[in-house]
């Protein structure tokens, strides 16, 4: 497997808290090199640049200690960005969050049901995301860049570098669960259809206005 980081060079930049390329593995290429607490049914598929994490169902999950994620979200200074490909606009797609299957989980996901179709982000109550809800996302079988960036006052959602939603920056009371990618903790068998690539979580607002999405993998 070809390495993206040269020997002797620090992995990631100083503001990167988690960086997953999914090139046949789940190695964290940030300087923290976080180790998963639990792995369930990990699959890979062609990604935006090399390989990506294939999520055919919510049984797929990579779990981490949630403390770093809780801290950065409630600092209100962060960015979550990734490449996302929807296999079907009519299916669910859990991307990441802290959600043990009970009410009021914190999620970033695609909701594919007809009455609620779109990106949901925040505390989820009755299929309504508390920060963003029903933000349309392309379901054309191609990868598109998705970013959520918070600068301490304003939270912005970008699709392919274009602002698609703007709101405030509320404080979050998280449920008691792990931080998971690709599936909710303790939930299995929910049908999904998406692939994610180049997932990065940062402790700065990387974008506050429209931008050109990256054209190569992060290092």
C-alpha atoms as a PDB file:
ATOM      1  CA  UNK A   1       0.000   0.000   0.000  1.00  0.00           C
ATOM      2  CA  UNK A   2       1.396   3.398  -0.989  1.00  0.00           C
ATOM      3  CA  UNK A   3       1.948   5.706   1.956  1.00  0.00           C
ATOM      4  CA  UNK A   4       0.796   9.307   1.684  1.00  0.00           C
ATOM      5  CA  UNK A   5       3.061  10.649   4.419  1.00  0.00           C
ATOM      6  CA  UNK A   6       6.813  10.835   3.951  1.00  0.00           C
ATOM      7  CA  UNK A   7       9.044   9.402   6.639  1.00  0.00           C
ATOM      8  CA  UNK A   8      10.065  12.021   9.191  1.00  0.00           C
ATOM      9  CA  UNK A   9       7.125  14.311   8.403  1.00  0.00           C
ATOM     10  CA  UNK A  10       4.454  14.909  11.046  1.00  0.00           C
ATOM     11  CA  UNK A  11       1.144  13.380  10.093  1.00  0.00           C
ATOM     12  CA  UNK A  12      -1.614  15.909   9.459  1.00  0.00           C
ATOM     13  CA  UNK A  13      -1.411  19.599  10.308  1.00  0.00           C
ATOM     14  CA  UNK A  14      -1.544  20.940  13.849  1.00  0.00           C
ATOM     15  CA  UNK A  15      -5.296  21.562  13.647  1.00  0.00           C
ATOM     16  CA  UNK A  16      -6.276  18.056  12.489  1.00  0.00           C
ATOM     17  CA  UNK A  17      -7.788  15.889  15.234  1.00  0.00           C
ATOM     18  CA  UNK A  18      -8.733  12.866  13.101  1.00  0.00           C
ATOM     19  CA  UNK A  19      -7.842  12.022   9.497  1.00  0.00           C
ATOM     20  CA  UNK A  20      -9.031   8.819   7.838  1.00  0.00           C
ATOM     21  CA  UNK A  21      -8.121   7.984   4.230  1.00  0.00           C
ATOM     22  CA  UNK A  22      -9.792   4.525   4.268  1.00  0.00           C
ATOM     23  CA  UNK A  23      -7.219   3.165   1.825  1.00  0.00           C
ATOM     24  CA  UNK A  24      -7.847  -0.420   2.776  1.00  0.00           C
ATOM     25  CA  UNK A  25      -7.425   0.371   6.465  1.00  0.00           C
ATOM     26  CA  UNK A  26      -8.768   2.606   9.218  1.00  0.00           C
ATOM     27  CA  UNK A  27      -5.446   4.186  10.215  1.00  0.00           C
ATOM     28  CA  UNK A  28      -5.734   7.672  11.699  1.00  0.00           C
ATOM     29  CA  UNK A  29      -3.203   9.802   9.809  1.00  0.00           C
ATOM     30  CA  UNK A  30      -3.436  12.744  12.200  1.00  0.00           C
ATOM     31  CA  UNK A  31      -0.615  13.299  14.679  1.00  0.00           C
ATOM     32  CA  UNK A  32      -2.847  11.726  17.361  1.00  0.00           C
ATOM     33  CA  UNK A  33      -3.057   8.313  15.626  1.00  0.00           C
ATOM     34  CA  UNK A  34      -6.273   7.461  17.436  1.00  0.00           C
ATOM     35  CA  UNK A  35      -7.010   3.779  17.920  1.00  0.00           C
ATOM     36  CA  UNK A  36     -10.583   2.498  17.464  1.00  0.00           C
ATOM     37  CA  UNK A  37     -12.314   0.993  20.486  1.00  0.00           C
ATOM     38  CA  UNK A  38     -14.403  -1.330  18.354  1.00  0.00           C
ATOM     39  CA  UNK A  39     -14.753  -2.404  14.732  1.00  0.00           C
ATOM     40  CA  UNK A  40     -17.804  -3.926  13.074  1.00  0.00           C
ATOM     41  CA  UNK A  41     -18.027  -5.295   9.517  1.00  0.00           C
ATOM     42  CA  UNK A  42     -15.593  -2.914   7.791  1.00  0.00           C
ATOM     43  CA  UNK A  43     -15.879  -2.800   3.987  1.00  0.00           C
ATOM     44  CA  UNK A  44     -13.976  -0.792   1.396  1.00  0.00           C
ATOM     45  CA  UNK A  45     -14.915   0.346  -2.110  1.00  0.00           C
ATOM     46  CA  UNK A  46     -13.463   2.678  -4.744  1.00  0.00           C
ATOM     47  CA  UNK A  47     -13.288   6.136  -3.171  1.00  0.00           C
ATOM     48  CA  UNK A  48     -12.785   9.669  -4.411  1.00  0.00           C
ATOM     49  CA  UNK A  49      -9.005   9.269  -4.695  1.00  0.00           C
ATOM     50  CA  UNK A  50      -8.188   5.652  -3.858  1.00  0.00           C
ATOM     51  CA  UNK A  51     -10.452   3.618  -1.582  1.00  0.00           C
ATOM     52  CA  UNK A  52     -13.310   4.667   0.669  1.00  0.00           C
ATOM     53  CA  UNK A  53     -15.365   3.259   3.547  1.00  0.00           C
ATOM     54  CA  UNK A  54     -18.345   1.372   2.124  1.00  0.00           C
ATOM     55  CA  UNK A  55     -21.407   1.543   4.372  1.00  0.00           C
ATOM     56  CA  UNK A  56     -23.999  -0.976   3.126  1.00  0.00           C
ATOM     57  CA  UNK A  57     -25.803  -1.007   6.479  1.00  0.00           C
ATOM     58  CA  UNK A  58     -25.669   0.576   9.893  1.00  0.00           C
ATOM     59  CA  UNK A  59     -23.917  -2.563  11.094  1.00  0.00           C
ATOM     60  CA  UNK A  60     -20.759  -0.976   9.708  1.00  0.00           C
ATOM     61  CA  UNK A  61     -19.098   1.051  12.447  1.00  0.00           C
ATOM     62  CA  UNK A  62     -15.742   2.288  13.674  1.00  0.00           C
ATOM     63  CA  UNK A  63     -15.952   3.437  17.302  1.00  0.00           C
ATOM     64  CA  UNK A  64     -13.678   5.842  19.197  1.00  0.00           C
ATOM     65  CA  UNK A  65     -13.468   7.397  22.624  1.00  0.00           C
ATOM     66  CA  UNK A  66     -15.891  10.337  22.266  1.00  0.00           C
ATOM     67  CA  UNK A  67     -14.097  12.891  24.458  1.00  0.00           C
ATOM     68  CA  UNK A  68     -12.158  14.673  21.701  1.00  0.00           C
ATOM     69  CA  UNK A  69     -15.274  14.951  19.537  1.00  0.00           C
ATOM     70  CA  UNK A  70     -17.450  16.301  22.337  1.00  0.00           C
ATOM     71  CA  UNK A  71     -14.796  18.830  23.277  1.00  0.00           C
ATOM     72  CA  UNK A  72     -14.276  20.200  19.786  1.00  0.00           C
ATOM     73  CA  UNK A  73     -17.989  20.436  18.956  1.00  0.00           C
ATOM     74  CA  UNK A  74     -18.730  22.355  22.153  1.00  0.00           C
ATOM     75  CA  UNK A  75     -15.716  24.605  21.596  1.00  0.00           C
ATOM     76  CA  UNK A  76     -17.778  25.895  18.650  1.00  0.00           C
ATOM     77  CA  UNK A  77     -14.604  26.122  16.605  1.00  0.00           C
ATOM     78  CA  UNK A  78     -14.321  23.150  14.270  1.00  0.00           C
ATOM     79  CA  UNK A  79     -14.671  21.670  10.800  1.00  0.00           C
ATOM     80  CA  UNK A  80     -15.917  18.247   9.725  1.00  0.00           C
ATOM     81  CA  UNK A  81     -15.268  17.502   6.066  1.00  0.00           C
ATOM     82  CA  UNK A  82     -15.318  14.459   3.806  1.00  0.00           C
ATOM     83  CA  UNK A  83     -16.184  13.175   0.374  1.00  0.00           C
ATOM     84  CA  UNK A  84     -19.569  11.452   0.207  1.00  0.00           C
ATOM     85  CA  UNK A  85     -21.206   9.286  -2.450  1.00  0.00           C
ATOM     86  CA  UNK A  86     -24.825   8.238  -2.119  1.00  0.00           C
ATOM     87  CA  UNK A  87     -25.707   4.874  -3.583  1.00  0.00           C
ATOM     88  CA  UNK A  88     -29.430   5.620  -3.403  1.00  0.00           C
ATOM     89  CA  UNK A  89     -31.415   8.675  -2.392  1.00  0.00           C
ATOM     90  CA  UNK A  90     -34.064   6.433  -0.842  1.00  0.00           C
ATOM     91  CA  UNK A  91     -31.941   4.889   1.902  1.00  0.00           C
ATOM     92  CA  UNK A  92     -30.522   5.982   5.224  1.00  0.00           C
ATOM     93  CA  UNK A  93     -26.873   6.845   5.598  1.00  0.00           C
ATOM     94  CA  UNK A  94     -25.294   7.326   9.029  1.00  0.00           C
ATOM     95  CA  UNK A  95     -21.988   9.152   8.550  1.00  0.00           C
ATOM     96  CA  UNK A  96     -20.818   9.858  12.088  1.00  0.00           C
ATOM     97  CA  UNK A  97     -21.983  10.864  15.530  1.00  0.00           C
ATOM     98  CA  UNK A  98     -22.622   9.875  19.120  1.00  0.00           C
ATOM     99  CA  UNK A  99     -25.849   7.912  19.076  1.00  0.00           C
ATOM    100  CA  UNK A 100     -26.662   4.761  21.048  1.00  0.00           C
ATOM    101  CA  UNK A 101     -29.975   4.174  19.326  1.00  0.00           C
ATOM    102  CA  UNK A 102     -32.077   6.024  21.891  1.00  0.00           C
ATOM    103  CA  UNK A 103     -33.666   9.446  21.442  1.00  0.00           C
ATOM    104  CA  UNK A 104     -31.614  12.621  21.122  1.00  0.00           C
ATOM    105  CA  UNK A 105     -28.529  11.167  19.469  1.00  0.00           C
ATOM    106  CA  UNK A 106     -26.023  13.563  17.883  1.00  0.00           C
ATOM    107  CA  UNK A 107     -25.611  12.691  14.205  1.00  0.00           C
ATOM    108  CA  UNK A 108     -24.402  13.664  10.780  1.00  0.00           C
ATOM    109  CA  UNK A 109     -26.345  11.542   8.339  1.00  0.00           C
ATOM    110  CA  UNK A 110     -28.306  11.389   5.108  1.00  0.00           C
ATOM    111  CA  UNK A 111     -32.012  10.712   5.593  1.00  0.00           C
ATOM    112  CA  UNK A 112     -33.433   9.062   2.486  1.00  0.00           C
ATOM    113  CA  UNK A 113     -37.104   8.875   3.433  1.00  0.00           C
ATOM    114  CA  UNK A 114     -39.381  10.851   1.142  1.00  0.00           C
ATOM    115  CA  UNK A 115     -40.762  13.241   3.753  1.00  0.00           C
ATOM    116  CA  UNK A 116     -37.369  13.956   5.350  1.00  0.00           C
ATOM    117  CA  UNK A 117     -34.841  13.545   2.512  1.00  0.00           C
ATOM    118  CA  UNK A 118     -31.546  15.398   2.942  1.00  0.00           C
ATOM    119  CA  UNK A 119     -28.565  15.944   5.235  1.00  0.00           C
ATOM    120  CA  UNK A 120     -29.349  16.056   8.972  1.00  0.00           C
ATOM    121  CA  UNK A 121     -26.885  17.329  11.546  1.00  0.00           C
ATOM    122  CA  UNK A 122     -27.159  17.892  15.289  1.00  0.00           C
ATOM    123  CA  UNK A 123     -29.285  16.409  18.042  1.00  0.00           C
ATOM    124  CA  UNK A 124     -31.879  14.325  16.249  1.00  0.00           C
ATOM    125  CA  UNK A 125     -35.409  14.504  17.610  1.00  0.00           C
ATOM    126  CA  UNK A 126     -38.346  13.103  15.617  1.00  0.00           C
ATOM    127  CA  UNK A 127     -36.184  12.985  12.465  1.00  0.00           C
ATOM    128  CA  UNK A 128     -35.298  16.682  12.711  1.00  0.00           C
ATOM    129  CA  UNK A 129     -31.652  17.744  13.045  1.00  0.00           C
ATOM    130  CA  UNK A 130     -31.240  20.542  15.589  1.00  0.00           C
ATOM    131  CA  UNK A 131     -28.512  22.360  13.608  1.00  0.00           C
ATOM    132  CA  UNK A 132     -29.233  21.475   9.972  1.00  0.00           C
ATOM    133  CA  UNK A 133     -32.194  19.572   8.611  1.00  0.00           C
ATOM    134  CA  UNK A 134     -33.249  18.378   5.153  1.00  0.00           C
ATOM    135  CA  UNK A 135     -30.334  19.979   3.298  1.00  0.00           C
ATOM    136  CA  UNK A 136     -30.544  18.541  -0.262  1.00  0.00           C
ATOM    137  CA  UNK A 137     -27.537  16.463  -1.324  1.00  0.00           C
ATOM    138  CA  UNK A 138     -26.831  15.107  -4.836  1.00  0.00           C
ATOM    139  CA  UNK A 139     -27.683  11.454  -5.397  1.00  0.00           C
ATOM    140  CA  UNK A 140     -26.115  11.118  -8.841  1.00  0.00           C
ATOM    141  CA  UNK A 141     -23.696   8.289  -8.119  1.00  0.00           C
ATOM    142  CA  UNK A 142     -20.724  10.672  -7.887  1.00  0.00           C
ATOM    143  CA  UNK A 143     -18.599  11.842  -4.964  1.00  0.00           C
ATOM    144  CA  UNK A 144     -19.376  15.290  -3.579  1.00  0.00           C
ATOM    145  CA  UNK A 145     -17.517  17.238  -0.919  1.00  0.00           C
ATOM    146  CA  UNK A 146     -19.434  17.851   2.328  1.00  0.00           C
ATOM    147  CA  UNK A 147     -18.154  20.213   5.014  1.00  0.00           C
ATOM    148  CA  UNK A 148     -19.565  21.630   8.243  1.00  0.00           C
ATOM    149  CA  UNK A 149     -17.559  24.523   9.646  1.00  0.00           C
ATOM    150  CA  UNK A 150     -18.205  26.495  12.845  1.00  0.00           C
ATOM    151  CA  UNK A 151     -16.333  29.730  13.625  1.00  0.00           C
ATOM    152  CA  UNK A 152     -17.644  30.251  17.180  1.00  0.00           C
ATOM    153  CA  UNK A 153     -20.724  32.183  16.097  1.00  0.00           C
ATOM    154  CA  UNK A 154     -21.966  30.737  12.814  1.00  0.00           C
ATOM    155  CA  UNK A 155     -22.181  27.139  11.607  1.00  0.00           C
ATOM    156  CA  UNK A 156     -22.088  26.663   7.840  1.00  0.00           C
ATOM    157  CA  UNK A 157     -22.777  23.597   5.726  1.00  0.00           C
ATOM    158  CA  UNK A 158     -21.006  23.409   2.364  1.00  0.00           C
ATOM    159  CA  UNK A 159     -21.682  21.075  -0.543  1.00  0.00           C
ATOM    160  CA  UNK A 160     -18.924  21.077  -3.156  1.00  0.00           C
ATOM    161  CA  UNK A 161     -17.581  24.257  -1.599  1.00  0.00           C
ATOM    162  CA  UNK A 162     -20.864  26.180  -1.857  1.00  0.00           C
ATOM    163  CA  UNK A 163     -22.680  27.367   1.271  1.00  0.00           C
ATOM    164  CA  UNK A 164     -25.902  25.350   1.449  1.00  0.00           C
ATOM    165  CA  UNK A 165     -26.971  26.163   5.017  1.00  0.00           C
ATOM    166  CA  UNK A 166     -26.168  28.727   7.715  1.00  0.00           C
ATOM    167  CA  UNK A 167     -27.244  28.807  11.352  1.00  0.00           C
ATOM    168  CA  UNK A 168     -25.978  29.544  14.876  1.00  0.00           C
ATOM    169  CA  UNK A 169     -23.632  27.482  17.050  1.00  0.00           C
ATOM    170  CA  UNK A 170     -25.607  25.891  19.896  1.00  0.00           C
ATOM    171  CA  UNK A 171     -24.076  24.005  22.796  1.00  0.00           C
ATOM    172  CA  UNK A 172     -24.739  20.264  22.714  1.00  0.00           C
ATOM    173  CA  UNK A 173     -25.659  17.827  25.483  1.00  0.00           C
ATOM    174  CA  UNK A 174     -24.379  14.516  24.141  1.00  0.00           C
ATOM    175  CA  UNK A 175     -25.830  11.082  24.885  1.00  0.00           C
ATOM    176  CA  UNK A 176     -23.667   8.588  26.745  1.00  0.00           C
ATOM    177  CA  UNK A 177     -22.112   6.591  23.938  1.00  0.00           C
ATOM    178  CA  UNK A 178     -19.000   6.172  21.814  1.00  0.00           C
ATOM    179  CA  UNK A 179     -18.171   8.338  18.819  1.00  0.00           C
ATOM    180  CA  UNK A 180     -18.879   6.194  15.761  1.00  0.00           C
ATOM    181  CA  UNK A 181     -18.334   6.422  12.024  1.00  0.00           C
ATOM    182  CA  UNK A 182     -20.521   4.514   9.591  1.00  0.00           C
ATOM    183  CA  UNK A 183     -23.145   3.252  12.025  1.00  0.00           C
ATOM    184  CA  UNK A 184     -24.896   3.875  15.319  1.00  0.00           C
ATOM    185  CA  UNK A 185     -23.752   2.033  18.410  1.00  0.00           C
ATOM    186  CA  UNK A 186     -25.921  -0.964  19.386  1.00  0.00           C
ATOM    187  CA  UNK A 187     -27.937  -0.725  16.157  1.00  0.00           C
ATOM    188  CA  UNK A 188     -27.678  -3.365  13.426  1.00  0.00           C
ATOM    189  CA  UNK A 189     -29.513  -4.241  10.251  1.00  0.00           C
ATOM    190  CA  UNK A 190     -30.572  -0.762   9.137  1.00  0.00           C
ATOM    191  CA  UNK A 191     -30.118  -0.591   5.367  1.00  0.00           C
ATOM    192  CA  UNK A 192     -27.791   2.113   4.122  1.00  0.00           C
ATOM    193  CA  UNK A 193     -26.095   3.063   0.873  1.00  0.00           C
ATOM    194  CA  UNK A 194     -23.134   5.413   0.925  1.00  0.00           C
ATOM    195  CA  UNK A 195     -19.354   5.588   0.628  1.00  0.00           C
ATOM    196  CA  UNK A 196     -17.197   8.121   2.476  1.00  0.00           C
ATOM    197  CA  UNK A 197     -13.604   9.114   1.804  1.00  0.00           C
ATOM    198  CA  UNK A 198     -11.024  11.522   3.276  1.00  0.00           C
ATOM    199  CA  UNK A 199     -12.795  12.151   6.573  1.00  0.00           C
ATOM    200  CA  UNK A 200     -11.159  14.948   8.559  1.00  0.00           C
ATOM    201  CA  UNK A 201     -12.107  16.599  11.858  1.00  0.00           C
ATOM    202  CA  UNK A 202     -10.318  19.840  12.743  1.00  0.00           C
ATOM    203  CA  UNK A 203     -10.265  22.281  15.640  1.00  0.00           C
ATOM    204  CA  UNK A 204     -10.525  25.382  13.440  1.00  0.00           C
ATOM    205  CA  UNK A 205     -13.123  26.792  11.071  1.00  0.00           C
ATOM    206  CA  UNK A 206     -11.350  25.982   7.811  1.00  0.00           C
ATOM    207  CA  UNK A 207     -13.918  27.760   5.632  1.00  0.00           C
ATOM    208  CA  UNK A 208     -16.281  30.684   6.245  1.00  0.00           C
ATOM    209  CA  UNK A 209     -17.147  31.419   2.603  1.00  0.00           C
ATOM    210  CA  UNK A 210     -17.392  29.502  -0.658  1.00  0.00           C
ATOM    211  CA  UNK A 211     -14.237  27.580  -1.584  1.00  0.00           C
ATOM    212  CA  UNK A 212     -12.802  25.156  -4.117  1.00  0.00           C
ATOM    213  CA  UNK A 213     -12.891  21.565  -2.762  1.00  0.00           C
ATOM    214  CA  UNK A 214      -9.553  19.759  -2.406  1.00  0.00           C
ATOM    215  CA  UNK A 215      -8.222  18.094  -5.534  1.00  0.00           C
ATOM    216  CA  UNK A 216      -5.983  15.562  -3.802  1.00  0.00           C
ATOM    217  CA  UNK A 217      -5.878  13.581  -0.559  1.00  0.00           C
ATOM    218  CA  UNK A 218      -4.936  15.346   2.654  1.00  0.00           C
ATOM    219  CA  UNK A 219      -1.528  14.723   4.224  1.00  0.00           C
END
